[in-house]
Amino acid sequence: MPLPDKYRQQLLDTHARAARESRWDGMRSWARAVAEIALWTLLGMALIYMSFRTLGVDVGRIYWLAGCIVWIGGVARAVLGAYRRGLEEGLW
């Protein structure tokens, strides 16, 4: 026995709305991951830039190492966080 047109249309509308929302959720999570990677890269590069602007060798080394730690650690955290969120949302 086929569904009445009223219920069939309601199911189609609900499915279309859910598909549209899930598409935007994926785009938002992708944009968040890219923004986090860009943020940590810029912060790390700012600290590395400060290592070239100082006159002391020891202070320059500290800025250099801090910049590398912030840059690599932040990018790793952003990528692993995006992967974890994808697992929780069932994207992979």
PDB file of N, CA and C in Angstrom:
ATOM      1  N   MET A   1       0.844  -1.171   0.000  1.00  0.00           N
ATOM      2  CA  MET A   1       0.000   0.000   0.000  1.00  0.00           C
ATOM      3  C   MET A   1       0.895   1.241   0.000  1.00  0.00           C
ATOM      4  N   PRO A   2       0.777   2.108  -0.966  1.00  0.00           N
ATOM      5  CA  PRO A   2       1.627   3.305  -1.040  1.00  0.00           C
ATOM      6  C   PRO A   2       1.236   4.336   0.015  1.00  0.00           C
ATOM      7  N   LEU A   3       2.228   5.180   0.337  1.00  0.00           N
ATOM      8  CA  LEU A   3       1.983   6.266   1.298  1.00  0.00           C
ATOM      9  C   LEU A   3       1.107   7.342   0.666  1.00  0.00           C
ATOM     10  N   PRO A   4       0.267   7.974   1.463  1.00  0.00           N
ATOM     11  CA  PRO A   4      -0.481   9.118   0.931  1.00  0.00           C
ATOM     12  C   PRO A   4       0.479  10.247   0.544  1.00  0.00           C
ATOM     13  N   ASP A   5       0.090  11.051  -0.397  1.00  0.00           N
ATOM     14  CA  ASP A   5       0.950  12.127  -0.906  1.00  0.00           C
ATOM     15  C   ASP A   5       1.398  13.094   0.188  1.00  0.00           C
ATOM     16  N   LYS A   6       0.503  13.346   1.119  1.00  0.00           N
ATOM     17  CA  LYS A   6       0.839  14.284   2.198  1.00  0.00           C
ATOM     18  C   LYS A   6       2.041  13.779   3.008  1.00  0.00           C
ATOM     19  N   TYR A   7       2.023  12.504   3.408  1.00  0.00           N
ATOM     20  CA  TYR A   7       3.105  11.948   4.219  1.00  0.00           C
ATOM     21  C   TYR A   7       4.381  11.756   3.397  1.00  0.00           C
ATOM     22  N   ARG A   8       4.203  11.375   2.140  1.00  0.00           N
ATOM     23  CA  ARG A   8       5.357  11.199   1.259  1.00  0.00           C
ATOM     24  C   ARG A   8       6.103  12.521   1.087  1.00  0.00           C
ATOM     25  N   GLN A   9       5.354  13.607   0.865  1.00  0.00           N
ATOM     26  CA  GLN A   9       5.976  14.918   0.706  1.00  0.00           C
ATOM     27  C   GLN A   9       6.667  15.365   1.993  1.00  0.00           C
ATOM     28  N   GLN A  10       6.045  15.054   3.131  1.00  0.00           N
ATOM     29  CA  GLN A  10       6.656  15.398   4.411  1.00  0.00           C
ATOM     30  C   GLN A  10       7.983  14.654   4.596  1.00  0.00           C
ATOM     31  N   LEU A  11       8.033  13.375   4.248  1.00  0.00           N
ATOM     32  CA  LEU A  11       9.269  12.608   4.334  1.00  0.00           C
ATOM     33  C   LEU A  11      10.337  13.169   3.400  1.00  0.00           C
ATOM     34  N   LEU A  12       9.965  13.535   2.201  1.00  0.00           N
ATOM     35  CA  LEU A  12      10.909  14.108   1.252  1.00  0.00           C
ATOM     36  C   LEU A  12      11.475  15.430   1.763  1.00  0.00           C
ATOM     37  N   ASP A  13      10.610  16.281   2.316  1.00  0.00           N
ATOM     38  CA  ASP A  13      11.061  17.569   2.856  1.00  0.00           C
ATOM     39  C   ASP A  13      12.012  17.376   4.035  1.00  0.00           C
ATOM     40  N   THR A  14      11.682  16.457   4.929  1.00  0.00           N
ATOM     41  CA  THR A  14      12.522  16.195   6.089  1.00  0.00           C
ATOM     42  C   THR A  14      13.887  15.669   5.659  1.00  0.00           C
ATOM     43  N   HIS A  15      13.884  14.766   4.689  1.00  0.00           N
ATOM     44  CA  HIS A  15      15.154  14.212   4.196  1.00  0.00           C
ATOM     45  C   HIS A  15      16.001  15.288   3.517  1.00  0.00           C
ATOM     46  N   ALA A  16      15.383  16.142   2.726  1.00  0.00           N
ATOM     47  CA  ALA A  16      16.124  17.208   2.046  1.00  0.00           C
ATOM     48  C   ALA A  16      16.719  18.190   3.053  1.00  0.00           C
ATOM     49  N   ARG A  17      15.963  18.525   4.092  1.00  0.00           N
ATOM     50  CA  ARG A  17      16.457  19.435   5.117  1.00  0.00           C
ATOM     51  C   ARG A  17      17.625  18.814   5.876  1.00  0.00           C
ATOM     52  N   ALA A  18      17.524  17.533   6.211  1.00  0.00           N
ATOM     53  CA  ALA A  18      18.612  16.861   6.930  1.00  0.00           C
ATOM     54  C   ALA A  18      19.872  16.775   6.057  1.00  0.00           C
ATOM     55  N   ALA A  19      19.711  16.525   4.778  1.00  0.00           N
ATOM     56  CA  ALA A  19      20.866  16.464   3.879  1.00  0.00           C
ATOM     57  C   ALA A  19      21.533  17.827   3.763  1.00  0.00           C
ATOM     58  N   ARG A  20      20.744  18.890   3.685  1.00  0.00           N
ATOM     59  CA  ARG A  20      21.289  20.249   3.582  1.00  0.00           C
ATOM     60  C   ARG A  20      22.053  20.612   4.857  1.00  0.00           C
ATOM     61  N   GLU A  21      21.505  20.280   6.019  1.00  0.00           N
ATOM     62  CA  GLU A  21      22.171  20.586   7.283  1.00  0.00           C
ATOM     63  C   GLU A  21      23.472  19.798   7.434  1.00  0.00           C
ATOM     64  N   SER A  22      23.470  18.537   7.028  1.00  0.00           N
ATOM     65  CA  SER A  22      24.688  17.735   7.166  1.00  0.00           C
ATOM     66  C   SER A  22      25.780  18.239   6.231  1.00  0.00           C
ATOM     67  N   ARG A  23      25.413  18.741   5.071  1.00  0.00           N
ATOM     68  CA  ARG A  23      26.406  19.289   4.147  1.00  0.00           C
ATOM     69  C   ARG A  23      27.065  20.518   4.767  1.00  0.00           C
ATOM     70  N   TRP A  24      26.275  21.387   5.398  1.00  0.00           N
ATOM     71  CA  TRP A  24      26.845  22.584   6.015  1.00  0.00           C
ATOM     72  C   TRP A  24      27.669  22.249   7.238  1.00  0.00           C
ATOM     73  N   ASP A  25      27.300  21.198   7.975  1.00  0.00           N
ATOM     74  CA  ASP A  25      28.095  20.793   9.136  1.00  0.00           C
ATOM     75  C   ASP A  25      29.488  20.366   8.705  1.00  0.00           C
ATOM     76  N   GLY A  26      29.583  19.632   7.618  1.00  0.00           N
ATOM     77  CA  GLY A  26      30.888  19.213   7.116  1.00  0.00           C
ATOM     78  C   GLY A  26      31.735  20.390   6.681  1.00  0.00           C
ATOM     79  N   MET A  27      31.115  21.350   6.003  1.00  0.00           N
ATOM     80  CA  MET A  27      31.853  22.541   5.561  1.00  0.00           C
ATOM     81  C   MET A  27      32.327  23.364   6.755  1.00  0.00           C
ATOM     82  N   ARG A  28      31.481  23.476   7.773  1.00  0.00           N
ATOM     83  CA  ARG A  28      31.868  24.231   8.962  1.00  0.00           C
ATOM     84  C   ARG A  28      33.031  23.574   9.698  1.00  0.00           C
ATOM     85  N   SER A  29      32.989  22.256   9.830  1.00  0.00           N
ATOM     86  CA  SER A  29      34.093  21.579  10.521  1.00  0.00           C
ATOM     87  C   SER A  29      35.379  21.665   9.701  1.00  0.00           C
ATOM     88  N   TRP A  30      35.278  21.608   8.383  1.00  0.00           N
ATOM     89  CA  TRP A  30      36.460  21.762   7.529  1.00  0.00           C
ATOM     90  C   TRP A  30      37.041  23.166   7.673  1.00  0.00           C
ATOM     91  N   ALA A  31      36.177  24.173   7.659  1.00  0.00           N
ATOM     92  CA  ALA A  31      36.641  25.559   7.797  1.00  0.00           C
ATOM     93  C   ALA A  31      37.272  25.788   9.176  1.00  0.00           C
ATOM     94  N   ARG A  32      36.706  25.158  10.209  1.00  0.00           N
ATOM     95  CA  ARG A  32      37.280  25.302  11.551  1.00  0.00           C
ATOM     96  C   ARG A  32      38.677  24.698  11.607  1.00  0.00           C
ATOM     97  N   ALA A  33      38.849  23.526  11.002  1.00  0.00           N
ATOM     98  CA  ALA A  33      40.169  22.884  11.003  1.00  0.00           C
ATOM     99  C   ALA A  33      41.183  23.739  10.256  1.00  0.00           C
ATOM    100  N   VAL A  34      40.805  24.286   9.123  1.00  0.00           N
ATOM    101  CA  VAL A  34      41.722  25.135   8.350  1.00  0.00           C
ATOM    102  C   VAL A  34      42.070  26.396   9.135  1.00  0.00           C
ATOM    103  N   ALA A  35      41.089  26.982   9.798  1.00  0.00           N
ATOM    104  CA  ALA A  35      41.342  28.195  10.582  1.00  0.00           C
ATOM    105  C   ALA A  35      42.276  27.902  11.759  1.00  0.00           C
ATOM    106  N   GLU A  36      42.089  26.765  12.422  1.00  0.00           N
ATOM    107  CA  GLU A  36      42.970  26.418  13.535  1.00  0.00           C
ATOM    108  C   GLU A  36      44.404  26.190  13.054  1.00  0.00           C
ATOM    109  N   ILE A  37      44.552  25.512  11.925  1.00  0.00           N
ATOM    110  CA  ILE A  37      45.898  25.284  11.384  1.00  0.00           C
ATOM    111  C   ILE A  37      46.559  26.614  11.034  1.00  0.00           C
ATOM    112  N   ALA A  38      45.808  27.509  10.404  1.00  0.00           N
ATOM    113  CA  ALA A  38      46.361  28.815  10.036  1.00  0.00           C
ATOM    114  C   ALA A  38      46.733  29.617  11.285  1.00  0.00           C
ATOM    115  N   LEU A  39      45.903  29.564  12.318  1.00  0.00           N
ATOM    116  CA  LEU A  39      46.183  30.304  13.551  1.00  0.00           C
ATOM    117  C   LEU A  39      47.472  29.823  14.207  1.00  0.00           C
ATOM    118  N   TRP A  40      47.611  28.513  14.382  1.00  0.00           N
ATOM    119  CA  TRP A  40      48.806  27.991  15.044  1.00  0.00           C
ATOM    120  C   TRP A  40      50.055  28.220  14.213  1.00  0.00           C
ATOM    121  N   THR A  41      49.919  28.150  12.894  1.00  0.00           N
ATOM    122  CA  THR A  41      51.072  28.418  12.039  1.00  0.00           C
ATOM    123  C   THR A  41      51.502  29.875  12.169  1.00  0.00           C
ATOM    124  N   LEU A  42      50.553  30.793  12.158  1.00  0.00           N
ATOM    125  CA  LEU A  42      50.893  32.207  12.289  1.00  0.00           C
ATOM    126  C   LEU A  42      51.501  32.531  13.652  1.00  0.00           C
ATOM    127  N   LEU A  43      50.967  31.938  14.711  1.00  0.00           N
ATOM    128  CA  LEU A  43      51.538  32.187  16.041  1.00  0.00           C
ATOM    129  C   LEU A  43      52.970  31.648  16.136  1.00  0.00           C
ATOM    130  N   GLY A  44      53.187  30.455  15.608  1.00  0.00           N
ATOM    131  CA  GLY A  44      54.538  29.897  15.619  1.00  0.00           C
ATOM    132  C   GLY A  44      55.498  30.721  14.785  1.00  0.00           C
ATOM    133  N   MET A  45      55.052  31.149  13.611  1.00  0.00           N
ATOM    134  CA  MET A  45      55.914  31.953  12.748  1.00  0.00           C
ATOM    135  C   MET A  45      56.206  33.324  13.364  1.00  0.00           C
ATOM    136  N   ALA A  46      55.270  33.863  14.139  1.00  0.00           N
ATOM    137  CA  ALA A  46      55.508  35.135  14.819  1.00  0.00           C
ATOM    138  C   ALA A  46      56.623  34.977  15.856  1.00  0.00           C
ATOM    139  N   LEU A  47      56.605  33.875  16.583  1.00  0.00           N
ATOM    140  CA  LEU A  47      57.680  33.646  17.552  1.00  0.00           C
ATOM    141  C   LEU A  47      59.017  33.402  16.857  1.00  0.00           C
ATOM    142  N   ILE A  48      58.994  32.679  15.750  1.00  0.00           N
ATOM    143  CA  ILE A  48      60.235  32.461  15.009  1.00  0.00           C
ATOM    144  C   ILE A  48      60.751  33.789  14.447  1.00  0.00           C
ATOM    145  N   TYR A  49      59.851  34.646  13.989  1.00  0.00           N
ATOM    146  CA  TYR A  49      60.249  35.973  13.510  1.00  0.00           C
ATOM    147  C   TYR A  49      60.906  36.771  14.635  1.00  0.00           C
ATOM    148  N   MET A  50      60.364  36.645  15.840  1.00  0.00           N
ATOM    149  CA  MET A  50      60.960  37.356  16.977  1.00  0.00           C
ATOM    150  C   MET A  50      62.387  36.879  17.254  1.00  0.00           C
ATOM    151  N   SER A  51      62.682  35.617  16.906  1.00  0.00           N
ATOM    152  CA  SER A  51      64.041  35.129  17.144  1.00  0.00           C
ATOM    153  C   SER A  51      65.053  35.840  16.244  1.00  0.00           C
ATOM    154  N   PHE A  52      64.625  36.297  15.077  1.00  0.00           N
ATOM    155  CA  PHE A  52      65.530  37.032  14.191  1.00  0.00           C
ATOM    156  C   PHE A  52      65.643  38.509  14.575  1.00  0.00           C
ATOM    157  N   ARG A  53      64.687  39.014  15.319  1.00  0.00           N
ATOM    158  CA  ARG A  53      64.674  40.431  15.678  1.00  0.00           C
ATOM    159  C   ARG A  53      65.407  40.731  16.979  1.00  0.00           C
ATOM    160  N   THR A  54      65.804  39.720  17.722  1.00  0.00           N
ATOM    161  CA  THR A  54      66.495  39.967  18.985  1.00  0.00           C
ATOM    162  C   THR A  54      67.999  40.084  18.754  1.00  0.00           C
ATOM    163  N   LEU A  55      68.684  40.718  19.681  1.00  0.00           N
ATOM    164  CA  LEU A  55      70.126  40.873  19.585  1.00  0.00           C
ATOM    165  C   LEU A  55      70.872  39.783  20.348  1.00  0.00           C
ATOM    166  N   GLY A  56      70.204  39.175  21.316  1.00  0.00           N
ATOM    167  CA  GLY A  56      70.853  38.128  22.110  1.00  0.00           C
ATOM    168  C   GLY A  56      70.684  36.759  21.466  1.00  0.00           C
ATOM    169  N   VAL A  57      71.758  35.994  21.423  1.00  0.00           N
ATOM    170  CA  VAL A  57      71.714  34.662  20.827  1.00  0.00           C
ATOM    171  C   VAL A  57      70.853  33.727  21.665  1.00  0.00           C
ATOM    172  N   ASP A  58      70.997  33.794  22.980  1.00  0.00           N
ATOM    173  CA  ASP A  58      70.235  32.901  23.848  1.00  0.00           C
ATOM    174  C   ASP A  58      68.733  33.186  23.768  1.00  0.00           C
ATOM    175  N   VAL A  59      68.368  34.445  23.780  1.00  0.00           N
ATOM    176  CA  VAL A  59      66.946  34.811  23.665  1.00  0.00           C
ATOM    177  C   VAL A  59      66.412  34.406  22.293  1.00  0.00           C
ATOM    178  N   GLY A  60      67.233  34.563  21.268  1.00  0.00           N
ATOM    179  CA  GLY A  60      66.822  34.152  19.931  1.00  0.00           C
ATOM    180  C   GLY A  60      66.562  32.663  19.840  1.00  0.00           C
ATOM    181  N   ARG A  61      67.400  31.871  20.483  1.00  0.00           N
ATOM    182  CA  ARG A  61      67.199  30.422  20.497  1.00  0.00           C
ATOM    183  C   ARG A  61      65.924  30.041  21.240  1.00  0.00           C
ATOM    184  N   ILE A  62      65.659  30.751  22.318  1.00  0.00           N
ATOM    185  CA  ILE A  62      64.434  30.480  23.076  1.00  0.00           C
ATOM    186  C   ILE A  62      63.207  30.791  22.223  1.00  0.00           C
ATOM    187  N   TYR A  63      63.211  31.949  21.561  1.00  0.00           N
ATOM    188  CA  TYR A  63      62.098  32.289  20.675  1.00  0.00           C
ATOM    189  C   TYR A  63      61.964  31.265  19.540  1.00  0.00           C
ATOM    190  N   TRP A  64      63.092  30.844  18.974  1.00  0.00           N
ATOM    191  CA  TRP A  64      63.070  29.877  17.870  1.00  0.00           C
ATOM    192  C   TRP A  64      62.430  28.561  18.315  1.00  0.00           C
ATOM    193  N   LEU A  65      62.892  28.037  19.463  1.00  0.00           N
ATOM    194  CA  LEU A  65      62.346  26.770  19.946  1.00  0.00           C
ATOM    195  C   LEU A  65      60.889  26.904  20.364  1.00  0.00           C
ATOM    196  N   ALA A  66      60.551  28.012  20.991  1.00  0.00           N
ATOM    197  CA  ALA A  66      59.154  28.228  21.372  1.00  0.00           C
ATOM    198  C   ALA A  66      58.269  28.314  20.125  1.00  0.00           C
ATOM    199  N   GLY A  67      58.747  28.978  19.091  1.00  0.00           N
ATOM    200  CA  GLY A  67      57.989  29.071  17.848  1.00  0.00           C
ATOM    201  C   GLY A  67      57.791  27.715  17.200  1.00  0.00           C
ATOM    202  N   CYS A  68      58.829  26.893  17.204  1.00  0.00           N
ATOM    203  CA  CYS A  68      58.700  25.546  16.631  1.00  0.00           C
ATOM    204  C   CYS A  68      57.720  24.695  17.431  1.00  0.00           C
ATOM    205  N   ILE A  69      57.784  24.811  18.744  1.00  0.00           N
ATOM    206  CA  ILE A  69      56.870  24.040  19.597  1.00  0.00           C
ATOM    207  C   ILE A  69      55.428  24.480  19.373  1.00  0.00           C
ATOM    208  N   VAL A  70      55.198  25.786  19.344  1.00  0.00           N
ATOM    209  CA  VAL A  70      53.839  26.298  19.138  1.00  0.00           C
ATOM    210  C   VAL A  70      53.324  25.921  17.753  1.00  0.00           C
ATOM    211  N   TRP A  71      54.155  26.077  16.758  1.00  0.00           N
ATOM    212  CA  TRP A  71      53.757  25.798  15.376  1.00  0.00           C
ATOM    213  C   TRP A  71      53.435  24.317  15.179  1.00  0.00           C
ATOM    214  N   ILE A  72      54.386  23.448  15.452  1.00  0.00           N
ATOM    215  CA  ILE A  72      54.190  22.024  15.196  1.00  0.00           C
ATOM    216  C   ILE A  72      53.168  21.426  16.153  1.00  0.00           C
ATOM    217  N   GLY A  73      53.242  21.793  17.415  1.00  0.00           N
ATOM    218  CA  GLY A  73      52.280  21.274  18.384  1.00  0.00           C
ATOM    219  C   GLY A  73      50.858  21.739  18.105  1.00  0.00           C
ATOM    220  N   GLY A  74      50.711  22.997  17.722  1.00  0.00           N
ATOM    221  CA  GLY A  74      49.380  23.518  17.428  1.00  0.00           C
ATOM    222  C   GLY A  74      48.768  22.906  16.184  1.00  0.00           C
ATOM    223  N   VAL A  75      49.573  22.732  15.153  1.00  0.00           N
ATOM    224  CA  VAL A  75      49.055  22.105  13.935  1.00  0.00           C
ATOM    225  C   VAL A  75      48.689  20.650  14.207  1.00  0.00           C
ATOM    226  N   ALA A  76      49.514  19.945  14.962  1.00  0.00           N
ATOM    227  CA  ALA A  76      49.194  18.560  15.305  1.00  0.00           C
ATOM    228  C   ALA A  76      47.911  18.479  16.119  1.00  0.00           C
ATOM    229  N   ARG A  77      47.743  19.399  17.056  1.00  0.00           N
ATOM    230  CA  ARG A  77      46.527  19.418  17.866  1.00  0.00           C
ATOM    231  C   ARG A  77      45.309  19.705  17.018  1.00  0.00           C
ATOM    232  N   ALA A  78      45.425  20.634  16.069  1.00  0.00           N
ATOM    233  CA  ALA A  78      44.300  20.981  15.212  1.00  0.00           C
ATOM    234  C   ALA A  78      43.902  19.807  14.313  1.00  0.00           C
ATOM    235  N   VAL A  79      44.894  19.137  13.747  1.00  0.00           N
ATOM    236  CA  VAL A  79      44.593  18.004  12.862  1.00  0.00           C
ATOM    237  C   VAL A  79      43.990  16.848  13.649  1.00  0.00           C
ATOM    238  N   LEU A  80      44.576  16.527  14.790  1.00  0.00           N
ATOM    239  CA  LEU A  80      44.038  15.431  15.591  1.00  0.00           C
ATOM    240  C   LEU A  80      42.667  15.773  16.159  1.00  0.00           C
ATOM    241  N   GLY A  81      42.442  17.039  16.505  1.00  0.00           N
ATOM    242  CA  GLY A  81      41.118  17.450  16.971  1.00  0.00           C
ATOM    243  C   GLY A  81      40.071  17.335  15.882  1.00  0.00           C
ATOM    244  N   ALA A  82      40.431  17.696  14.655  1.00  0.00           N
ATOM    245  CA  ALA A  82      39.490  17.559  13.535  1.00  0.00           C
ATOM    246  C   ALA A  82      39.184  16.089  13.280  1.00  0.00           C
ATOM    247  N   TYR A  83      40.199  15.245  13.383  1.00  0.00           N
ATOM    248  CA  TYR A  83      39.983  13.808  13.198  1.00  0.00           C
ATOM    249  C   TYR A  83      39.065  13.248  14.283  1.00  0.00           C
ATOM    250  N   ARG A  84      39.303  13.660  15.534  1.00  0.00           N
ATOM    251  CA  ARG A  84      38.475  13.188  16.646  1.00  0.00           C
ATOM    252  C   ARG A  84      37.028  13.629  16.487  1.00  0.00           C
ATOM    253  N   ARG A  85      36.828  14.895  16.091  1.00  0.00           N
ATOM    254  CA  ARG A  85      35.462  15.377  15.874  1.00  0.00           C
ATOM    255  C   ARG A  85      34.792  14.629  14.725  1.00  0.00           C
ATOM    256  N   GLY A  86      35.565  14.289  13.696  1.00  0.00           N
ATOM    257  CA  GLY A  86      35.009  13.521  12.585  1.00  0.00           C
ATOM    258  C   GLY A  86      34.598  12.122  13.026  1.00  0.00           C
ATOM    259  N   LEU A  87      35.382  11.513  13.917  1.00  0.00           N
ATOM    260  CA  LEU A  87      34.998  10.200  14.435  1.00  0.00           C
ATOM    261  C   LEU A  87      33.710  10.283  15.260  1.00  0.00           C
ATOM    262  N   GLU A  88      33.599  11.317  16.082  1.00  0.00           N
ATOM    263  CA  GLU A  88      32.415  11.476  16.911  1.00  0.00           C
ATOM    264  C   GLU A  88      31.169  11.738  16.080  1.00  0.00           C
ATOM    265  N   GLU A  89      31.322  12.460  14.977  1.00  0.00           N
ATOM    266  CA  GLU A  89      30.181  12.771  14.123  1.00  0.00           C
ATOM    267  C   GLU A  89      29.882  11.661  13.122  1.00  0.00           C
ATOM    268  N   GLY A  90      30.758  10.670  13.039  1.00  0.00           N
ATOM    269  CA  GLY A  90      30.536   9.556  12.138  1.00  0.00           C
ATOM    270  C   GLY A  90      30.898   9.859  10.692  1.00  0.00           C
ATOM    271  N   LEU A  91      31.812  10.794  10.478  1.00  0.00           N
ATOM    272  CA  LEU A  91      32.206  11.135   9.115  1.00  0.00           C
ATOM    273  C   LEU A  91      33.141  10.087   8.538  1.00  0.00           C
ATOM    274  N   TRP A  92      33.894   9.395   9.374  1.00  0.00           N
ATOM    275  CA  TRP A  92      34.753   8.298   8.923  1.00  0.00           C
ATOM    276  C   TRP A  92      34.933   7.304  10.040  1.00  0.00           C
TER     277      TRP A  92
END
